[in-house]
PDB file of all heavy atoms in Angstrom:
ATOM      1  N   SER A   1      30.510 -42.875  -7.529  1.00  0.00           N
ATOM      2  CA  SER A   1      30.649 -41.641  -8.288  1.00  0.00           C
ATOM      3  C   SER A   1      29.844 -41.727  -9.592  1.00  0.00           C
ATOM      4  O   SER A   1      29.265 -40.644 -10.052  1.00  0.00           O
ATOM      5  CB  SER A   1      32.025 -41.266  -8.556  1.00  0.00           C
ATOM      6  OG  SER A   1      32.616 -42.368  -9.275  1.00  0.00           O
ATOM      7  N   LYS A   2      29.620 -42.949 -10.154  1.00  0.00           N
ATOM      8  CA  LYS A   2      28.969 -43.075 -11.368  1.00  0.00           C
ATOM      9  C   LYS A   2      27.535 -42.895 -11.230  1.00  0.00           C
ATOM     10  O   LYS A   2      26.828 -42.214 -12.052  1.00  0.00           O
ATOM     11  CB  LYS A   2      29.255 -44.379 -12.011  1.00  0.00           C
ATOM     12  CG  LYS A   2      30.642 -44.512 -12.556  1.00  0.00           C
ATOM     13  CD  LYS A   2      30.922 -45.931 -13.218  1.00  0.00           C
ATOM     14  CE  LYS A   2      32.294 -46.015 -13.700  1.00  0.00           C
ATOM     15  NZ  LYS A   2      32.568 -47.388 -14.356  1.00  0.00           N
ATOM     16  N   GLN A   3      26.910 -43.413 -10.189  1.00  0.00           N
ATOM     17  CA  GLN A   3      25.468 -43.276  -9.945  1.00  0.00           C
ATOM     18  C   GLN A   3      25.118 -42.110  -9.000  1.00  0.00           C
ATOM     19  O   GLN A   3      24.005 -41.925  -8.804  1.00  0.00           O
ATOM     20  CB  GLN A   3      24.870 -44.570  -9.372  1.00  0.00           C
ATOM     21  CG  GLN A   3      24.943 -45.748 -10.325  1.00  0.00           C
ATOM     22  CD  GLN A   3      26.230 -46.476 -10.235  1.00  0.00           C
ATOM     23  OE1 GLN A   3      27.045 -46.366  -9.290  1.00  0.00           O
ATOM     24  NE2 GLN A   3      26.590 -47.206 -11.328  1.00  0.00           N
ATOM     25  N   GLY A   4      26.113 -41.416  -8.519  1.00  0.00           N
ATOM     26  CA  GLY A   4      25.793 -40.498  -7.442  1.00  0.00           C
ATOM     27  C   GLY A   4      26.157 -41.000  -6.066  1.00  0.00           C
ATOM     28  O   GLY A   4      26.207 -42.253  -5.985  1.00  0.00           O
ATOM     29  N   GLN A   5      26.265 -40.173  -5.090  1.00  0.00           N
ATOM     30  CA  GLN A   5      26.557 -40.677  -3.787  1.00  0.00           C
ATOM     31  C   GLN A   5      25.329 -41.449  -3.166  1.00  0.00           C
ATOM     32  O   GLN A   5      24.205 -41.042  -3.444  1.00  0.00           O
ATOM     33  CB  GLN A   5      27.003 -39.510  -2.915  1.00  0.00           C
ATOM     34  CG  GLN A   5      28.306 -38.983  -3.220  1.00  0.00           C
ATOM     35  CD  GLN A   5      28.774 -37.852  -2.243  1.00  0.00           C
ATOM     36  OE1 GLN A   5      27.986 -37.076  -1.977  1.00  0.00           O
ATOM     37  NE2 GLN A   5      30.054 -37.909  -1.866  1.00  0.00           N
ATOM     38  N   LYS A   6      25.602 -42.435  -2.427  1.00  0.00           N
ATOM     39  CA  LYS A   6      24.609 -43.258  -1.777  1.00  0.00           C
ATOM     40  C   LYS A   6      24.593 -43.030  -0.284  1.00  0.00           C
ATOM     41  O   LYS A   6      25.539 -42.789   0.309  1.00  0.00           O
ATOM     42  CB  LYS A   6      24.835 -44.717  -2.085  1.00  0.00           C
ATOM     43  CG  LYS A   6      24.882 -45.089  -3.555  1.00  0.00           C
ATOM     44  CD  LYS A   6      23.484 -45.139  -4.182  1.00  0.00           C
ATOM     45  CE  LYS A   6      23.500 -45.524  -5.661  1.00  0.00           C
ATOM     46  NZ  LYS A   6      22.224 -45.611  -6.302  1.00  0.00           N
ATOM     47  N   ARG A   7      23.407 -43.133   0.264  1.00  0.00           N
ATOM     48  CA  ARG A   7      23.186 -43.088   1.726  1.00  0.00           C
ATOM     49  C   ARG A   7      22.519 -44.367   2.190  1.00  0.00           C
ATOM     50  O   ARG A   7      21.545 -44.810   1.622  1.00  0.00           O
ATOM     51  CB  ARG A   7      22.337 -41.862   2.066  1.00  0.00           C
ATOM     52  CG  ARG A   7      21.970 -41.828   3.532  1.00  0.00           C
ATOM     53  CD  ARG A   7      21.122 -40.608   3.786  1.00  0.00           C
ATOM     54  NE  ARG A   7      20.500 -40.669   5.131  1.00  0.00           N
ATOM     55  CZ  ARG A   7      19.675 -39.792   5.623  1.00  0.00           C
ATOM     56  NH1 ARG A   7      19.221 -38.791   4.893  1.00  0.00           N
ATOM     57  NH2 ARG A   7      19.116 -40.018   6.866  1.00  0.00           N
ATOM     58  N   LYS A   8      23.042 -45.012   3.179  1.00  0.00           N
ATOM     59  CA  LYS A   8      22.487 -46.134   3.775  1.00  0.00           C
ATOM     60  C   LYS A   8      21.291 -45.780   4.684  1.00  0.00           C
ATOM     61  O   LYS A   8      21.443 -44.923   5.592  1.00  0.00           O
ATOM     62  CB  LYS A   8      23.423 -46.947   4.600  1.00  0.00           C
ATOM     63  CG  LYS A   8      24.460 -47.665   3.708  1.00  0.00           C
ATOM     64  CD  LYS A   8      25.297 -48.738   4.544  1.00  0.00           C
ATOM     65  CE  LYS A   8      26.305 -49.455   3.634  1.00  0.00           C
ATOM     66  NZ  LYS A   8      25.577 -50.257   2.585  1.00  0.00           N
ATOM     67  N   ILE A   9      20.144 -46.244   4.391  1.00  0.00           N
ATOM     68  CA  ILE A   9      18.931 -46.012   5.210  1.00  0.00           C
ATOM     69  C   ILE A   9      18.636 -47.321   6.071  1.00  0.00           C
ATOM     70  O   ILE A   9      18.448 -48.405   5.444  1.00  0.00           O
ATOM     71  CB  ILE A   9      17.697 -45.720   4.302  1.00  0.00           C
ATOM     72  CG1 ILE A   9      18.007 -44.479   3.428  1.00  0.00           C
ATOM     73  CG2 ILE A   9      16.457 -45.434   5.192  1.00  0.00           C
ATOM     74  CD1 ILE A   9      18.322 -43.158   4.132  1.00  0.00           C
ATOM     75  N   GLN A  10      18.546 -47.098   7.320  1.00  0.00           N
ATOM     76  CA  GLN A  10      18.314 -48.293   8.199  1.00  0.00           C
ATOM     77  C   GLN A  10      16.814 -48.526   8.139  1.00  0.00           C
ATOM     78  O   GLN A  10      16.021 -47.706   8.386  1.00  0.00           O
ATOM     79  CB  GLN A  10      18.844 -47.969   9.610  1.00  0.00           C
ATOM     80  CG  GLN A  10      18.752 -49.226  10.611  1.00  0.00           C
ATOM     81  CD  GLN A  10      19.886 -50.210  10.180  1.00  0.00           C
ATOM     82  OE1 GLN A  10      20.935 -49.923   9.599  1.00  0.00           O
ATOM     83  NE2 GLN A  10      19.643 -51.528  10.445  1.00  0.00           N
ATOM     84  N   LEU A  11      16.449 -49.836   7.842  1.00  0.00           N
ATOM     85  CA  LEU A  11      15.048 -50.224   7.780  1.00  0.00           C
ATOM     86  C   LEU A  11      14.657 -51.281   8.716  1.00  0.00           C
ATOM     87  O   LEU A  11      14.712 -52.508   8.355  1.00  0.00           O
ATOM     88  CB  LEU A  11      14.643 -50.592   6.273  1.00  0.00           C
ATOM     89  CG  LEU A  11      14.916 -49.544   5.234  1.00  0.00           C
ATOM     90  CD1 LEU A  11      14.770 -50.162   3.865  1.00  0.00           C
ATOM     91  CD2 LEU A  11      14.039 -48.405   5.369  1.00  0.00           C
ATOM     92  N   ASP A  12      14.377 -50.876   9.948  1.00  0.00           N
ATOM     93  CA  ASP A  12      14.013 -51.922  11.005  1.00  0.00           C
ATOM     94  C   ASP A  12      13.194 -51.248  12.087  1.00  0.00           C
ATOM     95  O   ASP A  12      12.838 -50.110  11.931  1.00  0.00           O
ATOM     96  CB  ASP A  12      15.313 -52.604  11.553  1.00  0.00           C
ATOM     97  CG  ASP A  12      16.285 -51.578  12.177  1.00  0.00           C
ATOM     98  OD1 ASP A  12      15.857 -50.519  12.561  1.00  0.00           O
ATOM     99  OD2 ASP A  12      17.454 -51.908  12.277  1.00  0.00           O
ATOM    100  N   ALA A  13      12.941 -51.971  13.153  1.00  0.00           N
ATOM    101  CA  ALA A  13      12.015 -51.478  14.147  1.00  0.00           C
ATOM    102  C   ALA A  13      12.619 -50.317  14.946  1.00  0.00           C
ATOM    103  O   ALA A  13      11.949 -49.578  15.669  1.00  0.00           O
ATOM    104  CB  ALA A  13      11.772 -52.579  15.157  1.00  0.00           C
ATOM    105  N   SER A  14      13.955 -49.940  14.762  1.00  0.00           N
ATOM    106  CA  SER A  14      14.510 -48.821  15.471  1.00  0.00           C
ATOM    107  C   SER A  14      13.871 -47.482  14.997  1.00  0.00           C
ATOM    108  O   SER A  14      13.944 -46.505  15.586  1.00  0.00           O
ATOM    109  CB  SER A  14      16.042 -48.822  15.284  1.00  0.00           C
ATOM    110  OG  SER A  14      16.330 -48.623  13.849  1.00  0.00           O
ATOM    111  N   ASP A  15      13.278 -47.521  13.747  1.00  0.00           N
ATOM    112  CA  ASP A  15      12.660 -46.417  13.122  1.00  0.00           C
ATOM    113  C   ASP A  15      11.114 -46.580  13.290  1.00  0.00           C
ATOM    114  O   ASP A  15      10.545 -47.503  12.645  1.00  0.00           O
ATOM    115  CB  ASP A  15      12.989 -46.324  11.610  1.00  0.00           C
ATOM    116  CG  ASP A  15      12.403 -45.127  10.891  1.00  0.00           C
ATOM    117  OD1 ASP A  15      11.404 -44.569  11.428  1.00  0.00           O
ATOM    118  OD2 ASP A  15      12.846 -44.780   9.821  1.00  0.00           O
ATOM    119  N   GLN A  16      10.565 -45.869  14.177  1.00  0.00           N
ATOM    120  CA  GLN A  16       9.093 -46.060  14.588  1.00  0.00           C
ATOM    121  C   GLN A  16       8.250 -45.794  13.350  1.00  0.00           C
ATOM    122  O   GLN A  16       7.109 -46.443  13.140  1.00  0.00           O
ATOM    123  CB  GLN A  16       8.749 -45.197  15.752  1.00  0.00           C
ATOM    124  CG  GLN A  16       9.404 -45.525  17.081  1.00  0.00           C
ATOM    125  CD  GLN A  16       8.906 -44.723  18.144  1.00  0.00           C
ATOM    126  OE1 GLN A  16       8.138 -43.771  18.010  1.00  0.00           O
ATOM    127  NE2 GLN A  16       9.392 -45.033  19.412  1.00  0.00           N
ATOM    128  N   LEU A  17       8.522 -44.771  12.590  1.00  0.00           N
ATOM    129  CA  LEU A  17       7.718 -44.460  11.378  1.00  0.00           C
ATOM    130  C   LEU A  17       7.718 -45.606  10.420  1.00  0.00           C
ATOM    131  O   LEU A  17       6.737 -45.970   9.861  1.00  0.00           O
ATOM    132  CB  LEU A  17       8.081 -43.126  10.773  1.00  0.00           C
ATOM    133  CG  LEU A  17       7.399 -42.731   9.501  1.00  0.00           C
ATOM    134  CD1 LEU A  17       5.822 -42.668   9.721  1.00  0.00           C
ATOM    135  CD2 LEU A  17       7.876 -41.393   8.920  1.00  0.00           C
ATOM    136  N   PHE A  18       8.900 -46.263  10.189  1.00  0.00           N
ATOM    137  CA  PHE A  18       9.043 -47.292   9.284  1.00  0.00           C
ATOM    138  C   PHE A  18       8.238 -48.555   9.699  1.00  0.00           C
ATOM    139  O   PHE A  18       7.616 -49.243   8.956  1.00  0.00           O
ATOM    140  CB  PHE A  18      10.543 -47.716   9.056  1.00  0.00           C
ATOM    141  CG  PHE A  18      10.717 -48.899   8.146  1.00  0.00           C
ATOM    142  CD1 PHE A  18      10.411 -48.721   6.748  1.00  0.00           C
ATOM    143  CD2 PHE A  18      11.128 -50.074   8.621  1.00  0.00           C
ATOM    144  CE1 PHE A  18      10.577 -49.792   5.933  1.00  0.00           C
ATOM    145  CE2 PHE A  18      11.255 -51.160   7.733  1.00  0.00           C
ATOM    146  CZ  PHE A  18      11.022 -51.032   6.461  1.00  0.00           C
ATOM    147  N   SER A  19       8.208 -48.704  11.093  1.00  0.00           N
ATOM    148  CA  SER A  19       7.421 -49.829  11.613  1.00  0.00           C
ATOM    149  C   SER A  19       5.866 -49.646  11.338  1.00  0.00           C
ATOM    150  O   SER A  19       5.218 -50.650  11.129  1.00  0.00           O
ATOM    151  CB  SER A  19       7.596 -49.886  13.178  1.00  0.00           C
ATOM    152  OG  SER A  19       8.858 -50.217  13.485  1.00  0.00           O
ATOM    153  N   GLN A  20       5.475 -48.363  11.209  1.00  0.00           N
ATOM    154  CA  GLN A  20       4.044 -48.082  10.839  1.00  0.00           C
ATOM    155  C   GLN A  20       3.819 -48.322   9.367  1.00  0.00           C
ATOM    156  O   GLN A  20       2.782 -48.838   8.908  1.00  0.00           O
ATOM    157  CB  GLN A  20       3.709 -46.691  11.117  1.00  0.00           C
ATOM    158  CG  GLN A  20       3.482 -46.271  12.573  1.00  0.00           C
ATOM    159  CD  GLN A  20       3.079 -44.866  12.695  1.00  0.00           C
ATOM    160  OE1 GLN A  20       3.906 -43.993  13.094  1.00  0.00           O
ATOM    161  NE2 GLN A  20       1.853 -44.486  12.285  1.00  0.00           N
ATOM    162  N   LEU A  21       4.896 -48.088   8.586  1.00  0.00           N
ATOM    163  CA  LEU A  21       4.721 -48.111   7.145  1.00  0.00           C
ATOM    164  C   LEU A  21       5.057 -49.468   6.394  1.00  0.00           C
ATOM    165  O   LEU A  21       4.377 -49.796   5.452  1.00  0.00           O
ATOM    166  CB  LEU A  21       5.685 -47.093   6.484  1.00  0.00           C
ATOM    167  CG  LEU A  21       5.367 -45.565   6.790  1.00  0.00           C
ATOM    168  CD1 LEU A  21       6.591 -44.745   6.229  1.00  0.00           C
ATOM    169  CD2 LEU A  21       4.107 -45.114   6.165  1.00  0.00           C
ATOM    170  N   ARG A  22       5.920 -50.219   7.014  1.00  0.00           N
ATOM    171  CA  ARG A  22       6.566 -51.285   6.295  1.00  0.00           C
ATOM    172  C   ARG A  22       5.545 -52.309   5.776  1.00  0.00           C
ATOM    173  O   ARG A  22       5.665 -52.837   4.661  1.00  0.00           O
ATOM    174  CB  ARG A  22       7.575 -51.988   7.192  1.00  0.00           C
ATOM    175  CG  ARG A  22       7.026 -52.740   8.323  1.00  0.00           C
ATOM    176  CD  ARG A  22       8.077 -53.186   9.342  1.00  0.00           C
ATOM    177  NE  ARG A  22       9.163 -53.896   8.734  1.00  0.00           N
ATOM    178  CZ  ARG A  22      10.302 -54.318   9.361  1.00  0.00           C
ATOM    179  NH1 ARG A  22      10.396 -54.107  10.705  1.00  0.00           N
ATOM    180  NH2 ARG A  22      11.190 -54.945   8.742  1.00  0.00           N
ATOM    181  N   ASP A  23       4.564 -52.681   6.491  1.00  0.00           N
ATOM    182  CA  ASP A  23       3.553 -53.691   6.109  1.00  0.00           C
ATOM    183  C   ASP A  23       2.286 -53.174   5.412  1.00  0.00           C
ATOM    184  O   ASP A  23       1.463 -53.899   5.029  1.00  0.00           O
ATOM    185  CB  ASP A  23       3.157 -54.573   7.318  1.00  0.00           C
ATOM    186  CG  ASP A  23       4.381 -55.254   7.939  1.00  0.00           C
ATOM    187  OD1 ASP A  23       5.336 -55.581   7.183  1.00  0.00           O
ATOM    188  OD2 ASP A  23       4.342 -55.490   9.118  1.00  0.00           O
ATOM    189  N   ALA A  24       2.243 -51.838   5.270  1.00  0.00           N
ATOM    190  CA  ALA A  24       1.066 -51.184   4.723  1.00  0.00           C
ATOM    191  C   ALA A  24       1.082 -51.303   3.180  1.00  0.00           C
ATOM    192  O   ALA A  24       2.157 -51.314   2.518  1.00  0.00           O
ATOM    193  CB  ALA A  24       0.966 -49.696   5.057  1.00  0.00           C
ATOM    194  N   ASN A  25      -0.110 -51.515   2.572  1.00  0.00           N
ATOM    195  CA  ASN A  25      -0.102 -51.414   1.095  1.00  0.00           C
ATOM    196  C   ASN A  25       0.239 -50.035   0.696  1.00  0.00           C
ATOM    197  O   ASN A  25      -0.124 -49.005   1.339  1.00  0.00           O
ATOM    198  CB  ASN A  25      -1.553 -51.719   0.656  1.00  0.00           C
ATOM    199  CG  ASN A  25      -1.687 -51.913  -0.825  1.00  0.00           C
ATOM    200  OD1 ASN A  25      -1.574 -50.862  -1.593  1.00  0.00           O
ATOM    201  ND2 ASN A  25      -1.890 -53.033  -1.421  1.00  0.00           N
ATOM    202  N   PHE A  26       0.980 -49.935  -0.331  1.00  0.00           N
ATOM    203  CA  PHE A  26       1.568 -48.553  -0.752  1.00  0.00           C
ATOM    204  C   PHE A  26       0.463 -47.575  -1.055  1.00  0.00           C
ATOM    205  O   PHE A  26       0.717 -46.327  -0.942  1.00  0.00           O
ATOM    206  CB  PHE A  26       2.502 -48.768  -1.953  1.00  0.00           C
ATOM    207  CG  PHE A  26       3.272 -47.552  -2.302  1.00  0.00           C
ATOM    208  CD1 PHE A  26       4.280 -47.102  -1.476  1.00  0.00           C
ATOM    209  CD2 PHE A  26       2.999 -46.776  -3.445  1.00  0.00           C
ATOM    210  CE1 PHE A  26       5.046 -46.038  -1.733  1.00  0.00           C
ATOM    211  CE2 PHE A  26       3.703 -45.676  -3.650  1.00  0.00           C
ATOM    212  CZ  PHE A  26       4.740 -45.282  -2.845  1.00  0.00           C
ATOM    213  N   ALA A  27      -0.723 -48.037  -1.377  1.00  0.00           N
ATOM    214  CA  ALA A  27      -1.725 -47.142  -1.676  1.00  0.00           C
ATOM    215  C   ALA A  27      -2.158 -46.276  -0.495  1.00  0.00           C
ATOM    216  O   ALA A  27      -2.681 -45.116  -0.713  1.00  0.00           O
ATOM    217  CB  ALA A  27      -3.097 -47.911  -2.103  1.00  0.00           C
ATOM    218  N   ILE A  28      -1.829 -46.646   0.772  1.00  0.00           N
ATOM    219  CA  ILE A  28      -2.284 -45.793   1.902  1.00  0.00           C
ATOM    220  C   ILE A  28      -1.026 -45.206   2.568  1.00  0.00           C
ATOM    221  O   ILE A  28      -1.204 -44.486   3.548  1.00  0.00           O
ATOM    222  CB  ILE A  28      -3.016 -46.610   2.972  1.00  0.00           C
ATOM    223  CG1 ILE A  28      -2.151 -47.686   3.570  1.00  0.00           C
ATOM    224  CG2 ILE A  28      -4.263 -47.235   2.318  1.00  0.00           C
ATOM    225  CD1 ILE A  28      -2.734 -48.255   4.876  1.00  0.00           C
ATOM    226  N   VAL A  29       0.122 -45.362   2.039  1.00  0.00           N
ATOM    227  CA  VAL A  29       1.339 -44.845   2.636  1.00  0.00           C
ATOM    228  C   VAL A  29       1.310 -43.343   2.646  1.00  0.00           C
ATOM    229  O   VAL A  29       1.697 -42.673   3.721  1.00  0.00           O
ATOM    230  CB  VAL A  29       2.600 -45.372   1.910  1.00  0.00           C
ATOM    231  CG1 VAL A  29       3.828 -44.488   2.285  1.00  0.00           C
ATOM    232  CG2 VAL A  29       2.912 -46.771   2.258  1.00  0.00           C
ATOM    233  N   GLY A  30       0.845 -42.678   1.602  1.00  0.00           N
ATOM    234  CA  GLY A  30       0.736 -41.245   1.519  1.00  0.00           C
ATOM    235  C   GLY A  30      -0.133 -40.659   2.663  1.00  0.00           C
ATOM    236  O   GLY A  30       0.128 -39.650   3.352  1.00  0.00           O
ATOM    237  N   ASP A  31      -1.238 -41.298   2.912  1.00  0.00           N
ATOM    238  CA  ASP A  31      -2.150 -40.878   4.052  1.00  0.00           C
ATOM    239  C   ASP A  31      -1.498 -40.953   5.445  1.00  0.00           C
ATOM    240  O   ASP A  31      -1.612 -40.074   6.198  1.00  0.00           O
ATOM    241  CB  ASP A  31      -3.468 -41.750   4.098  1.00  0.00           C
ATOM    242  CG  ASP A  31      -4.339 -41.505   2.853  1.00  0.00           C
ATOM    243  OD1 ASP A  31      -4.159 -40.437   2.202  1.00  0.00           O
ATOM    244  OD2 ASP A  31      -5.184 -42.362   2.498  1.00  0.00           O
ATOM    245  N   ILE A  32      -0.717 -42.115   5.633  1.00  0.00           N
ATOM    246  CA  ILE A  32      -0.009 -42.279   6.876  1.00  0.00           C
ATOM    247  C   ILE A  32       1.027 -41.116   7.082  1.00  0.00           C
ATOM    248  O   ILE A  32       1.104 -40.569   8.152  1.00  0.00           O
ATOM    249  CB  ILE A  32       0.604 -43.675   6.959  1.00  0.00           C
ATOM    250  CG1 ILE A  32      -0.405 -44.753   6.958  1.00  0.00           C
ATOM    251  CG2 ILE A  32       1.469 -43.757   8.270  1.00  0.00           C
ATOM    252  CD1 ILE A  32       0.140 -46.156   6.856  1.00  0.00           C
ATOM    253  N   LEU A  33       1.753 -40.897   6.013  1.00  0.00           N
ATOM    254  CA  LEU A  33       2.844 -39.783   6.016  1.00  0.00           C
ATOM    255  C   LEU A  33       2.203 -38.451   6.368  1.00  0.00           C
ATOM    256  O   LEU A  33       2.709 -37.639   7.159  1.00  0.00           O
ATOM    257  CB  LEU A  33       3.615 -39.791   4.785  1.00  0.00           C
ATOM    258  CG  LEU A  33       4.564 -41.020   4.543  1.00  0.00           C
ATOM    259  CD1 LEU A  33       5.093 -40.873   3.131  1.00  0.00           C
ATOM    260  CD2 LEU A  33       5.658 -40.997   5.579  1.00  0.00           C
ATOM    261  N   ASN A  34       0.991 -38.149   5.736  1.00  0.00           N
ATOM    262  CA  ASN A  34       0.323 -36.883   5.957  1.00  0.00           C
ATOM    263  C   ASN A  34      -0.196 -36.753   7.417  1.00  0.00           C
ATOM    264  O   ASN A  34       0.004 -35.662   8.057  1.00  0.00           O
ATOM    265  CB  ASN A  34      -0.895 -36.752   5.034  1.00  0.00           C
ATOM    266  CG  ASN A  34      -0.504 -36.389   3.629  1.00  0.00           C
ATOM    267  OD1 ASN A  34       0.493 -35.786   3.370  1.00  0.00           O
ATOM    268  ND2 ASN A  34      -1.273 -36.752   2.611  1.00  0.00           N
ATOM    269  N   LYS A  35      -0.644 -37.818   8.007  1.00  0.00           N
ATOM    270  CA  LYS A  35      -1.081 -37.697   9.392  1.00  0.00           C
ATOM    271  C   LYS A  35       0.049 -37.506  10.319  1.00  0.00           C
ATOM    272  O   LYS A  35      -0.035 -36.649  11.292  1.00  0.00           O
ATOM    273  CB  LYS A  35      -1.806 -39.089   9.753  1.00  0.00           C
ATOM    274  CG  LYS A  35      -3.191 -39.218   9.170  1.00  0.00           C
ATOM    275  CD  LYS A  35      -3.816 -40.557   9.522  1.00  0.00           C
ATOM    276  CE  LYS A  35      -5.094 -40.757   8.866  1.00  0.00           C
ATOM    277  NZ  LYS A  35      -5.741 -42.050   9.091  1.00  0.00           N
ATOM    278  N   VAL A  36       1.186 -38.209  10.060  1.00  0.00           N
ATOM    279  CA  VAL A  36       2.385 -37.967  10.943  1.00  0.00           C
ATOM    280  C   VAL A  36       2.883 -36.559  10.795  1.00  0.00           C
ATOM    281  O   VAL A  36       3.275 -35.912  11.747  1.00  0.00           O
ATOM    282  CB  VAL A  36       3.481 -38.958  10.527  1.00  0.00           C
ATOM    283  CG1 VAL A  36       4.802 -38.680  11.190  1.00  0.00           C
ATOM    284  CG2 VAL A  36       3.077 -40.414  10.807  1.00  0.00           C
ATOM    285  N   ALA A  37       2.885 -35.993   9.524  1.00  0.00           N
ATOM    286  CA  ALA A  37       3.351 -34.674   9.333  1.00  0.00           C
ATOM    287  C   ALA A  37       2.476 -33.639  10.144  1.00  0.00           C
ATOM    288  O   ALA A  37       2.997 -32.618  10.688  1.00  0.00           O
ATOM    289  CB  ALA A  37       3.420 -34.312   7.798  1.00  0.00           C
ATOM    290  N   ARG A  38       1.182 -33.863  10.008  1.00  0.00           N
ATOM    291  CA  ARG A  38       0.229 -32.957  10.771  1.00  0.00           C
ATOM    292  C   ARG A  38       0.471 -33.066  12.257  1.00  0.00           C
ATOM    293  O   ARG A  38       0.428 -32.009  12.901  1.00  0.00           O
ATOM    294  CB  ARG A  38      -1.178 -33.259  10.361  1.00  0.00           C
ATOM    295  CG  ARG A  38      -1.627 -32.760   8.975  1.00  0.00           C
ATOM    296  CD  ARG A  38      -3.135 -32.718   8.819  1.00  0.00           C
ATOM    297  NE  ARG A  38      -3.719 -34.043   8.883  1.00  0.00           N
ATOM    298  CZ  ARG A  38      -3.949 -34.780   7.816  1.00  0.00           C
ATOM    299  NH1 ARG A  38      -3.513 -34.438   6.717  1.00  0.00           N
ATOM    300  NH2 ARG A  38      -4.447 -36.045   8.079  1.00  0.00           N
ATOM    301  N   ARG A  39       0.686 -34.278  12.790  1.00  0.00           N
ATOM    302  CA  ARG A  39       0.822 -34.417  14.227  1.00  0.00           C
ATOM    303  C   ARG A  39       2.152 -33.798  14.637  1.00  0.00           C
ATOM    304  O   ARG A  39       2.201 -33.022  15.691  1.00  0.00           O
ATOM    305  CB  ARG A  39       0.956 -35.878  14.536  1.00  0.00           C
ATOM    306  CG  ARG A  39       1.224 -36.157  16.052  1.00  0.00           C
ATOM    307  CD  ARG A  39       1.286 -37.656  16.352  1.00  0.00           C
ATOM    308  NE  ARG A  39       2.241 -38.310  15.651  1.00  0.00           N
ATOM    309  CZ  ARG A  39       3.589 -38.202  15.991  1.00  0.00           C
ATOM    310  NH1 ARG A  39       4.046 -37.476  16.964  1.00  0.00           N
ATOM    311  NH2 ARG A  39       4.507 -38.875  15.322  1.00  0.00           N
ATOM    312  N   LEU A  40       3.234 -33.883  13.838  1.00  0.00           N
ATOM    313  CA  LEU A  40       4.509 -33.328  14.195  1.00  0.00           C
ATOM    314  C   LEU A  40       4.434 -31.721  14.130  1.00  0.00           C
ATOM    315  O   LEU A  40       4.968 -30.995  15.042  1.00  0.00           O
ATOM    316  CB  LEU A  40       5.697 -33.723  13.236  1.00  0.00           C
ATOM    317  CG  LEU A  40       6.398 -34.970  13.526  1.00  0.00           C
ATOM    318  CD1 LEU A  40       7.367 -35.302  12.427  1.00  0.00           C
ATOM    319  CD2 LEU A  40       7.106 -34.789  14.826  1.00  0.00           C
ATOM    320  N   GLU A  41       3.638 -31.245  13.208  1.00  0.00           N
ATOM    321  CA  GLU A  41       3.412 -29.766  13.114  1.00  0.00           C
ATOM    322  C   GLU A  41       2.682 -29.293  14.279  1.00  0.00           C
ATOM    323  O   GLU A  41       3.061 -28.226  14.998  1.00  0.00           O
ATOM    324  CB  GLU A  41       2.641 -29.436  11.874  1.00  0.00           C
ATOM    325  CG  GLU A  41       2.453 -27.957  11.609  1.00  0.00           C
ATOM    326  CD  GLU A  41       1.686 -27.557  10.383  1.00  0.00           C
ATOM    327  OE1 GLU A  41       1.157 -28.598   9.680  1.00  0.00           O
ATOM    328  OE2 GLU A  41       1.533 -26.472  10.037  1.00  0.00           O
TER     329      GLU A  41
END
């Protein structure tokens, strides 16, 4: 309650998108997310 409610995010191979992102340098994470968003659209 002091910091606000928390949600547990599972970070493993069960999340295919996380598997793509986890080892990438953060500088290119935005590009990967944009490509996935366009494909889903």
